[in-house]
Amino acid sequence: MLRSLYEQLGFFPTLIFSVLFFVCFTFWLAGIAGLLANKDRRKSTEWFTYMLIIFVPPYPIIWLITDVFRQYFRITRKSAQAQKSRQSHSSVTSA
């Protein structure tokens, strides 16, 4: 398959396609692992999550990307709150 892609498209499009395919496959596996290990998942919706994983392959990738953004915003919000509390604490102790 890779050889026929190379013959049809050339080197760089084949390289980009191969790397993109590898990244998507890696994200798909990571998304499945994250969904199955998720502690927030309710037992009543567990079968629905399994069905989504099996029948909608992009679902784990989309879940993984949204979870990364959710964690990023949570971490930045907590670090901003911690920095504000440190600043207010240092201004109280210096006064």
Protein backbone atom coordinates (compact mmCIF):
# COMPACT_ATOMS: atom_id res chain seq x y z
CA MET A 1 0.00 0.00 0.00
CA LEU A 2 2.79 2.40 0.88
CA ARG A 3 4.55 1.67 -2.39
CA SER A 4 1.43 2.34 -4.45
CA LEU A 5 0.84 5.55 -2.50
CA TYR A 6 4.43 6.56 -3.22
CA GLU A 7 4.01 5.83 -6.91
CA GLN A 8 0.74 7.76 -7.12
CA LEU A 9 1.47 10.76 -4.88
CA GLY A 10 5.23 11.09 -4.55
CA PHE A 11 7.54 11.26 -1.57
CA PHE A 12 6.31 14.18 0.55
CA PRO A 13 2.55 13.50 0.37
CA THR A 14 3.23 9.85 1.23
CA LEU A 15 5.44 10.89 4.14
CA ILE A 16 2.80 13.31 5.45
CA PHE A 17 0.06 10.69 5.07
CA SER A 18 2.14 8.04 6.87
CA VAL A 19 3.02 10.32 9.78
CA LEU A 20 -0.59 11.52 10.08
CA PHE A 21 -1.84 7.93 10.05
CA PHE A 22 0.65 6.95 12.77
CA VAL A 23 -0.30 9.93 14.96
CA CYS A 24 -4.02 9.19 14.56
CA PHE A 25 -3.47 5.53 15.44
CA THR A 26 -1.45 6.51 18.52
CA PHE A 27 -4.11 9.03 19.64
CA TRP A 28 -6.80 6.41 19.03
CA LEU A 29 -5.06 3.88 21.30
CA ALA A 30 -4.37 6.53 23.95
CA GLY A 31 -8.00 7.65 23.82
CA ILE A 32 -9.24 4.09 24.31
CA ALA A 33 -6.88 3.60 27.25
CA GLY A 34 -8.00 6.91 28.77
CA LEU A 35 -11.68 6.13 28.35
CA LEU A 36 -11.35 2.68 29.88
CA ALA A 37 -9.27 3.95 32.81
CA ASN A 38 -11.47 7.01 33.43
CA LYS A 39 -12.61 7.06 37.06
CA ASP A 40 -15.33 9.62 36.33
CA ARG A 41 -17.21 7.18 34.11
CA ARG A 42 -20.52 6.03 35.56
CA LYS A 43 -21.36 2.33 35.65
CA SER A 44 -24.75 2.94 34.04
CA THR A 45 -23.16 4.43 30.88
CA GLU A 46 -20.27 1.97 30.66
CA TRP A 47 -21.88 -0.10 27.89
CA PHE A 48 -22.58 3.08 25.89
CA THR A 49 -18.92 4.08 26.14
CA TYR A 50 -17.86 0.65 24.90
CA MET A 51 -20.24 0.93 21.95
CA LEU A 52 -18.90 4.37 21.05
CA ILE A 53 -15.33 3.09 21.21
CA ILE A 54 -16.14 0.17 18.92
CA PHE A 55 -18.50 1.72 16.39
CA VAL A 56 -17.24 5.33 16.24
CA PRO A 57 -13.44 5.16 15.84
CA PRO A 58 -12.90 8.96 15.92
CA TYR A 59 -14.62 9.17 19.33
CA PRO A 60 -11.52 8.21 21.41
CA ILE A 61 -9.40 10.71 19.47
CA ILE A 62 -11.94 13.50 20.00
CA TRP A 63 -12.30 12.58 23.68
CA LEU A 64 -8.52 12.62 24.13
CA ILE A 65 -8.12 16.05 22.55
CA THR A 66 -10.98 17.53 24.60
CA ASP A 67 -9.58 15.97 27.77
CA VAL A 68 -6.16 17.50 27.07
CA PHE A 69 -7.75 20.94 26.68
CA ARG A 70 -9.90 20.43 29.79
CA GLN A 71 -6.83 19.54 31.84
CA TYR A 72 -4.86 22.46 30.38
CA PHE A 73 -7.53 24.98 31.39
CA ARG A 74 -7.89 23.39 34.82
CA ILE A 75 -4.14 23.56 35.44
CA THR A 76 -3.79 27.14 34.21
CA ARG A 77 -6.76 28.24 36.33
CA LYS A 78 -5.28 26.61 39.44
CA SER A 79 -1.83 28.05 38.79
CA ALA A 80 -3.32 31.53 38.30
CA GLN A 81 -5.23 31.18 41.58
CA ALA A 82 -2.09 30.00 43.35
CA GLN A 83 -0.09 32.90 41.97
CA LYS A 84 -2.76 35.38 43.11
CA SER A 85 -2.81 33.87 46.58
CA ARG A 86 1.01 34.05 46.75
CA GLN A 87 0.95 37.68 45.69
CA SER A 88 -1.72 38.57 48.22
CA HIS A 89 0.13 36.62 50.91
CA SER A 90 3.43 38.35 50.13
CA SER A 91 1.80 41.79 50.13
CA VAL A 92 0.20 41.10 53.53
CA THR A 93 3.48 39.90 55.07
CA SER A 94 5.51 42.79 53.65
CA ALA A 95 3.09 45.47 54.93
